[in-house]
N, C-alpha and C. Protein backbone atom coordinates (compact mmCIF):
# COMPACT_ATOMS: atom_id res chain seq x y z
N MET A 1 -18.23 40.57 46.36
CA MET A 1 -18.03 41.95 45.55
C MET A 1 -18.24 43.05 46.95
N SER A 2 -17.39 43.86 47.04
CA SER A 2 -17.41 45.04 48.10
C SER A 2 -18.82 45.92 47.85
N ILE A 3 -19.27 46.59 48.76
CA ILE A 3 -20.49 47.42 48.75
C ILE A 3 -20.08 48.54 47.67
N ILE A 4 -18.69 48.74 47.71
CA ILE A 4 -18.39 50.10 46.84
C ILE A 4 -18.38 49.36 45.36
N ASP A 5 -18.07 48.31 45.06
CA ASP A 5 -18.07 47.76 43.74
C ASP A 5 -19.69 47.68 43.50
N SER A 6 -20.46 47.19 44.57
CA SER A 6 -21.86 46.76 44.09
C SER A 6 -22.44 48.55 43.84
N ILE A 7 -22.02 49.39 44.33
CA ILE A 7 -22.70 50.95 44.24
C ILE A 7 -22.31 51.23 42.71
N GLN A 8 -20.96 51.22 42.54
CA GLN A 8 -20.42 51.42 41.24
C GLN A 8 -20.85 50.77 39.97
N LYS A 9 -20.95 49.50 40.15
CA LYS A 9 -21.70 48.63 39.11
C LYS A 9 -23.27 49.06 38.97
N ALA A 10 -23.99 49.26 40.04
CA ALA A 10 -25.40 49.70 39.90
C ALA A 10 -25.49 50.97 39.08
N ARG A 11 -24.63 51.77 39.69
CA ARG A 11 -24.65 53.14 38.82
C ARG A 11 -24.09 53.39 37.26
N GLU A 12 -23.07 52.29 36.98
CA GLU A 12 -22.91 52.48 35.61
C GLU A 12 -23.97 51.45 34.87
N LYS A 13 -25.07 50.69 35.42
CA LYS A 13 -26.04 49.80 34.67
C LYS A 13 -27.23 51.02 34.57
N GLY A 14 -26.98 52.14 35.46
CA GLY A 14 -27.93 53.42 35.24
C GLY A 14 -28.99 53.24 36.46
N ALA A 15 -28.76 52.47 37.46
CA ALA A 15 -29.69 52.47 38.43
C ALA A 15 -29.40 54.04 39.26
N SER A 16 -30.98 54.29 39.64
CA SER A 16 -30.83 55.67 40.42
C SER A 16 -29.85 55.47 41.78
N ASP A 17 -29.36 56.58 42.40
CA ASP A 17 -29.08 56.49 43.69
C ASP A 17 -30.09 56.01 44.83
N GLU A 18 -31.27 56.33 44.48
CA GLU A 18 -32.50 56.08 45.51
C GLU A 18 -32.93 54.73 45.38
N LEU A 19 -32.59 54.32 44.23
CA LEU A 19 -32.84 52.84 44.12
C LEU A 19 -31.83 51.78 44.74
N ILE A 20 -30.77 52.44 44.50
CA ILE A 20 -29.33 51.71 45.31
C ILE A 20 -29.52 51.80 46.57
N LEU A 21 -30.02 52.94 47.33
CA LEU A 21 -29.94 53.06 48.48
C LEU A 21 -30.96 52.17 49.35
N ARG A 22 -32.38 52.16 48.68
CA ARG A 22 -33.27 51.49 49.00
C ARG A 22 -33.10 49.75 49.05
N GLU A 23 -32.07 49.41 47.92
CA GLU A 23 -31.47 48.10 48.11
C GLU A 23 -30.69 47.70 49.30
N ILE A 24 -29.77 48.80 49.54
CA ILE A 24 -28.88 48.51 50.65
C ILE A 24 -29.65 48.57 52.11
N ILE A 25 -30.69 49.68 51.90
CA ILE A 25 -31.53 49.58 53.35
C ILE A 25 -32.13 48.07 53.49
N LYS A 26 -32.71 47.64 52.36
CA LYS A 26 -33.45 46.31 52.47
C LYS A 26 -32.40 45.22 52.66
N GLN A 27 -31.19 45.03 52.30
CA GLN A 27 -30.22 44.06 52.60
C GLN A 27 -29.84 44.51 53.94
N ASN A 28 -29.62 45.32 54.33
CA ASN A 28 -29.11 45.86 55.70
C ASN A 28 -29.81 46.55 56.75
N PRO A 29 -30.78 46.06 57.25
CA PRO A 29 -32.06 46.46 58.01
C PRO A 29 -31.27 47.19 59.18
N ASP A 30 -30.30 46.72 59.93
CA ASP A 30 -29.59 47.29 61.00
C ASP A 30 -29.13 48.73 60.98
N LYS A 31 -28.52 49.00 59.75
CA LYS A 31 -27.78 50.11 59.13
C LYS A 31 -28.99 51.06 58.45
N GLY A 32 -29.96 50.39 57.93
CA GLY A 32 -31.16 50.99 57.21
C GLY A 32 -31.78 51.90 57.87
N ILE A 33 -32.05 51.73 59.22
CA ILE A 33 -32.52 52.53 60.30
C ILE A 33 -31.70 53.95 60.31
N ILE A 34 -30.59 53.80 60.14
CA ILE A 34 -29.66 55.21 59.98
C ILE A 34 -29.94 55.97 58.94
N PHE A 35 -29.93 55.09 57.56
CA PHE A 35 -30.03 55.68 56.35
C PHE A 35 -31.50 56.23 56.12
N GLU A 36 -32.75 55.68 56.70
CA GLU A 36 -34.07 55.99 56.60
C GLU A 36 -33.96 57.52 57.57
N GLU A 37 -33.29 57.51 58.66
CA GLU A 37 -33.58 58.79 59.19
C GLU A 37 -32.75 59.90 58.70
N LYS A 38 -31.63 59.62 57.88
CA LYS A 38 -30.78 60.79 57.21
C LYS A 38 -31.82 61.14 56.16
N LEU A 39 -32.60 60.36 55.28
CA LEU A 39 -33.62 60.50 54.33
C LEU A 39 -34.55 61.63 54.60
N LYS A 40 -35.21 61.09 56.01
CA LYS A 40 -36.16 61.76 56.45
C LYS A 40 -35.95 63.17 56.82
N LYS A 41 -34.62 63.62 57.35
CA LYS A 41 -33.82 64.84 57.55
C LYS A 41 -33.80 65.61 56.33
N GLY A 42 -33.91 65.14 55.05
CA GLY A 42 -33.72 65.70 53.90
C GLY A 42 -32.34 65.36 53.06
N GLU A 43 -31.59 64.55 53.78
CA GLU A 43 -30.52 64.16 53.02
C GLU A 43 -30.43 63.27 51.85
N LYS A 44 -29.83 63.68 50.60
CA LYS A 44 -30.04 63.13 49.32
C LYS A 44 -29.32 61.67 49.37
N ALA A 45 -30.07 60.72 48.54
CA ALA A 45 -29.54 59.35 48.62
C ALA A 45 -27.89 59.51 48.02
N THR A 46 -27.75 60.38 47.01
CA THR A 46 -26.32 60.52 46.45
C THR A 46 -25.46 60.63 47.72
N ASN A 47 -25.80 61.50 48.24
CA ASN A 47 -24.84 62.05 49.46
C ASN A 47 -24.67 60.84 50.33
N ILE A 48 -25.66 60.28 50.80
CA ILE A 48 -25.66 59.00 51.81
C ILE A 48 -24.72 58.03 50.96
N LEU A 49 -25.09 57.66 49.58
CA LEU A 49 -23.83 56.66 49.13
C LEU A 49 -22.71 57.08 49.19
N ASN A 50 -22.26 58.47 48.81
CA ASN A 50 -21.02 58.88 48.73
C ASN A 50 -20.33 58.79 50.21
N GLU A 51 -20.97 59.00 51.02
CA GLU A 51 -20.69 58.98 52.71
C GLU A 51 -20.12 57.12 52.83
N ILE A 52 -20.78 56.52 52.29
CA ILE A 52 -20.70 54.90 52.60
C ILE A 52 -19.42 54.57 51.78
N ILE A 53 -19.55 55.08 50.71
CA ILE A 53 -18.03 54.93 49.91
C ILE A 53 -16.79 55.51 50.60
N LYS A 54 -17.29 56.62 51.17
CA LYS A 54 -15.92 57.36 51.77
C LYS A 54 -15.42 56.42 53.12
N LYS A 55 -16.29 56.09 53.97
CA LYS A 55 -16.14 55.22 55.14
C LYS A 55 -15.60 53.78 54.68
N LYS A 56 -16.08 53.42 53.84
CA LYS A 56 -15.40 51.89 53.52
C LYS A 56 -14.17 52.12 52.80
N LYS A 57 -13.87 53.04 52.34
CA LYS A 57 -12.50 53.35 51.61
C LYS A 57 -11.66 53.42 52.86
N LYS A 58 -11.97 53.96 54.00
CA LYS A 58 -11.07 54.27 55.14
C LYS A 58 -10.62 53.21 56.04
N LYS A 59 -11.68 52.20 56.00
CA LYS A 59 -11.48 51.20 56.94
C LYS A 59 -10.39 49.96 56.10
N PRO A 60 -9.58 49.58 57.22
CA PRO A 60 -8.36 48.69 56.69
C PRO A 60 -9.08 47.42 56.18
N LYS A 61 -8.72 46.62 55.26
CA LYS A 61 -9.30 45.33 54.95
C LYS A 61 -8.58 44.41 55.94
N ARG A 62 -9.60 43.38 56.45
CA ARG A 62 -9.27 42.21 57.38
C ARG A 62 -8.41 41.24 56.57
N LYS A 63 -7.42 40.86 57.13
CA LYS A 63 -6.67 39.56 56.61
C LYS A 63 -7.04 38.12 57.45
N GLY A 64 -6.85 37.30 56.59
CA GLY A 64 -7.44 36.04 57.30
C GLY A 64 -8.68 35.48 57.24
């Protein structure tokens, strides 16, 4: 399941964007540091998740 699908499913089940982002940070510690910094600077979890979705949609899928 892609990250986009995971975010959408979690939202459909009623999970808050803050909870979803915390789970992403926990599962991806390398990128989590970046997200933590954005949160500290006052960016909202919803904006960060929407940015993740936007970036993932732009990347072409790998074949093979």
